[in-house]
Amino acid sequence: MKRIRITQVKSAIDRPVRQKRSLEALGLKKMHRTVEHTATPQILGIVDSVKHLVTVEEI
């Protein structure tokens, strides 16, 4: 499967709780942190819900 690298580029301050929990589910806790995940439909759905807060690149 493909791997993706997700980096948080915007803050979660003043965002709805659902978006904050989505970032936590991805493993992002602070700005400019990067995590790698396998591109499963579940992960891609979470990324889509916070796409305005993160950047995604394929590895």
N, C-alpha and C. Protein backbone atom coordinates (compact mmCIF):
# COMPACT_ATOMS: atom_id res chain seq x y z
N MET A 1 0.83 -1.20 0.00
CA MET A 1 0.00 0.00 0.00
C MET A 1 0.87 1.25 0.00
N LYS A 2 0.28 2.33 -0.44
CA LYS A 2 1.00 3.59 -0.47
C LYS A 2 1.14 4.14 0.94
N ARG A 3 2.21 4.88 1.16
CA ARG A 3 2.43 5.57 2.42
C ARG A 3 2.27 7.06 2.16
N ILE A 4 1.76 7.78 3.15
CA ILE A 4 1.63 9.23 3.05
C ILE A 4 2.29 9.88 4.26
N ARG A 5 2.82 11.06 4.04
CA ARG A 5 3.43 11.85 5.10
C ARG A 5 2.51 13.05 5.35
N ILE A 6 2.07 13.22 6.60
CA ILE A 6 1.13 14.27 6.97
C ILE A 6 1.82 15.23 7.92
N THR A 7 1.78 16.52 7.59
CA THR A 7 2.40 17.54 8.42
C THR A 7 1.35 18.58 8.80
N GLN A 8 1.27 18.90 10.08
CA GLN A 8 0.33 19.93 10.53
C GLN A 8 0.95 21.30 10.27
N VAL A 9 0.23 22.15 9.53
CA VAL A 9 0.75 23.46 9.16
C VAL A 9 -0.07 24.61 9.76
N LYS A 10 -1.25 24.32 10.29
CA LYS A 10 -2.06 25.34 10.94
C LYS A 10 -2.48 24.85 12.31
N SER A 11 -2.75 25.79 13.18
CA SER A 11 -3.07 25.48 14.57
C SER A 11 -4.50 24.94 14.71
N ALA A 12 -4.69 24.16 15.76
CA ALA A 12 -6.02 23.62 16.07
C ALA A 12 -6.78 24.52 17.04
N ILE A 13 -6.17 25.63 17.43
CA ILE A 13 -6.83 26.57 18.33
C ILE A 13 -8.05 27.16 17.63
N ASP A 14 -9.15 27.29 18.35
CA ASP A 14 -10.41 27.82 17.84
C ASP A 14 -11.01 26.96 16.72
N ARG A 15 -10.73 25.69 16.74
CA ARG A 15 -11.32 24.75 15.80
C ARG A 15 -12.33 23.90 16.55
N PRO A 16 -13.31 23.33 15.86
CA PRO A 16 -14.28 22.45 16.53
C PRO A 16 -13.59 21.23 17.14
N VAL A 17 -14.19 20.69 18.17
CA VAL A 17 -13.63 19.54 18.88
C VAL A 17 -13.42 18.37 17.93
N ARG A 18 -14.30 18.20 16.99
CA ARG A 18 -14.18 17.09 16.04
C ARG A 18 -12.87 17.17 15.24
N GLN A 19 -12.49 18.37 14.83
CA GLN A 19 -11.25 18.55 14.09
C GLN A 19 -10.04 18.33 14.99
N LYS A 20 -10.12 18.78 16.24
CA LYS A 20 -9.02 18.56 17.18
C LYS A 20 -8.81 17.07 17.41
N ARG A 21 -9.90 16.33 17.55
CA ARG A 21 -9.79 14.88 17.77
C ARG A 21 -9.28 14.16 16.52
N SER A 22 -9.60 14.69 15.37
CA SER A 22 -9.09 14.09 14.14
C SER A 22 -7.58 14.24 14.06
N LEU A 23 -7.07 15.40 14.44
CA LEU A 23 -5.62 15.60 14.47
C LEU A 23 -4.96 14.66 15.47
N GLU A 24 -5.57 14.51 16.64
CA GLU A 24 -5.03 13.60 17.65
C GLU A 24 -5.05 12.15 17.14
N ALA A 25 -6.09 11.78 16.42
CA ALA A 25 -6.19 10.42 15.88
C ALA A 25 -5.09 10.16 14.86
N LEU A 26 -4.68 11.20 14.16
CA LEU A 26 -3.58 11.06 13.20
C LEU A 26 -2.22 11.05 13.89
N GLY A 27 -2.19 11.45 15.15
CA GLY A 27 -0.92 11.47 15.89
C GLY A 27 -0.24 12.82 15.86
N LEU A 28 -0.99 13.86 15.49
CA LEU A 28 -0.43 15.22 15.42
C LEU A 28 -0.83 15.98 16.68
N LYS A 29 0.18 16.44 17.42
CA LYS A 29 -0.09 17.12 18.67
C LYS A 29 0.37 18.58 18.66
N LYS A 30 1.37 18.87 17.83
CA LYS A 30 1.91 20.23 17.78
C LYS A 30 2.12 20.65 16.33
N MET A 31 2.29 21.93 16.14
CA MET A 31 2.52 22.48 14.81
C MET A 31 3.83 21.95 14.23
N HIS A 32 3.85 21.79 12.92
CA HIS A 32 5.02 21.38 12.15
C HIS A 32 5.55 20.01 12.53
N ARG A 33 4.70 19.18 13.11
CA ARG A 33 5.06 17.79 13.38
C ARG A 33 4.62 16.96 12.17
N THR A 34 5.36 15.90 11.91
CA THR A 34 5.09 15.06 10.75
C THR A 34 4.91 13.62 11.21
N VAL A 35 3.92 12.96 10.62
CA VAL A 35 3.68 11.54 10.87
C VAL A 35 3.53 10.83 9.53
N GLU A 36 3.79 9.53 9.54
CA GLU A 36 3.62 8.73 8.33
C GLU A 36 2.58 7.66 8.60
N HIS A 37 1.69 7.47 7.63
CA HIS A 37 0.63 6.48 7.74
C HIS A 37 0.49 5.76 6.41
N THR A 38 -0.09 4.58 6.46
CA THR A 38 -0.49 3.88 5.24
C THR A 38 -1.78 4.52 4.75
N ALA A 39 -1.89 4.68 3.44
CA ALA A 39 -3.03 5.38 2.85
C ALA A 39 -4.25 4.47 2.77
N THR A 40 -4.86 4.20 3.92
CA THR A 40 -6.09 3.41 3.96
C THR A 40 -7.28 4.34 3.81
N PRO A 41 -8.45 3.83 3.46
CA PRO A 41 -9.63 4.69 3.33
C PRO A 41 -9.97 5.42 4.64
N GLN A 42 -9.72 4.79 5.78
CA GLN A 42 -10.02 5.42 7.06
C GLN A 42 -9.10 6.62 7.30
N ILE A 43 -7.81 6.45 7.05
CA ILE A 43 -6.84 7.54 7.24
C ILE A 43 -7.13 8.66 6.25
N LEU A 44 -7.42 8.32 5.02
CA LEU A 44 -7.70 9.35 4.01
C LEU A 44 -8.96 10.13 4.35
N GLY A 45 -9.95 9.48 4.97
CA GLY A 45 -11.16 10.17 5.40
C GLY A 45 -10.87 11.17 6.52
N ILE A 46 -10.03 10.77 7.47
CA ILE A 46 -9.65 11.69 8.56
C ILE A 46 -8.88 12.87 7.99
N VAL A 47 -7.95 12.59 7.08
CA VAL A 47 -7.15 13.66 6.47
C VAL A 47 -8.06 14.63 5.71
N ASP A 48 -9.06 14.10 5.03
CA ASP A 48 -9.98 14.95 4.27
C ASP A 48 -10.75 15.89 5.19
N SER A 49 -11.04 15.46 6.42
CA SER A 49 -11.80 16.31 7.34
C SER A 49 -10.96 17.45 7.92
N VAL A 50 -9.64 17.34 7.85
CA VAL A 50 -8.76 18.40 8.36
C VAL A 50 -7.77 18.86 7.30
N LYS A 51 -8.17 18.76 6.03
CA LYS A 51 -7.25 19.08 4.94
C LYS A 51 -6.79 20.54 4.93
N HIS A 52 -7.55 21.42 5.57
CA HIS A 52 -7.17 22.83 5.64
C HIS A 52 -6.13 23.08 6.73
N LEU A 53 -5.83 22.09 7.56
CA LEU A 53 -4.87 22.23 8.65
C LEU A 53 -3.57 21.47 8.38
N VAL A 54 -3.55 20.62 7.39
CA VAL A 54 -2.39 19.76 7.15
C VAL A 54 -1.96 19.80 5.69
N THR A 55 -0.73 19.35 5.45
CA THR A 55 -0.27 19.07 4.08
C THR A 55 0.01 17.58 3.99
N VAL A 56 -0.26 17.02 2.82
CA VAL A 56 -0.10 15.58 2.61
C VAL A 56 0.77 15.37 1.40
N GLU A 57 1.75 14.46 1.53
CA GLU A 57 2.57 14.11 0.39
C GLU A 57 2.76 12.59 0.38
N GLU A 58 2.84 12.05 -0.81
CA GLU A 58 3.06 10.60 -0.96
C GLU A 58 4.54 10.31 -0.78
N ILE A 59 4.81 9.14 -0.24
CA ILE A 59 6.21 8.73 -0.05
C ILE A 59 6.54 7.69 -1.11
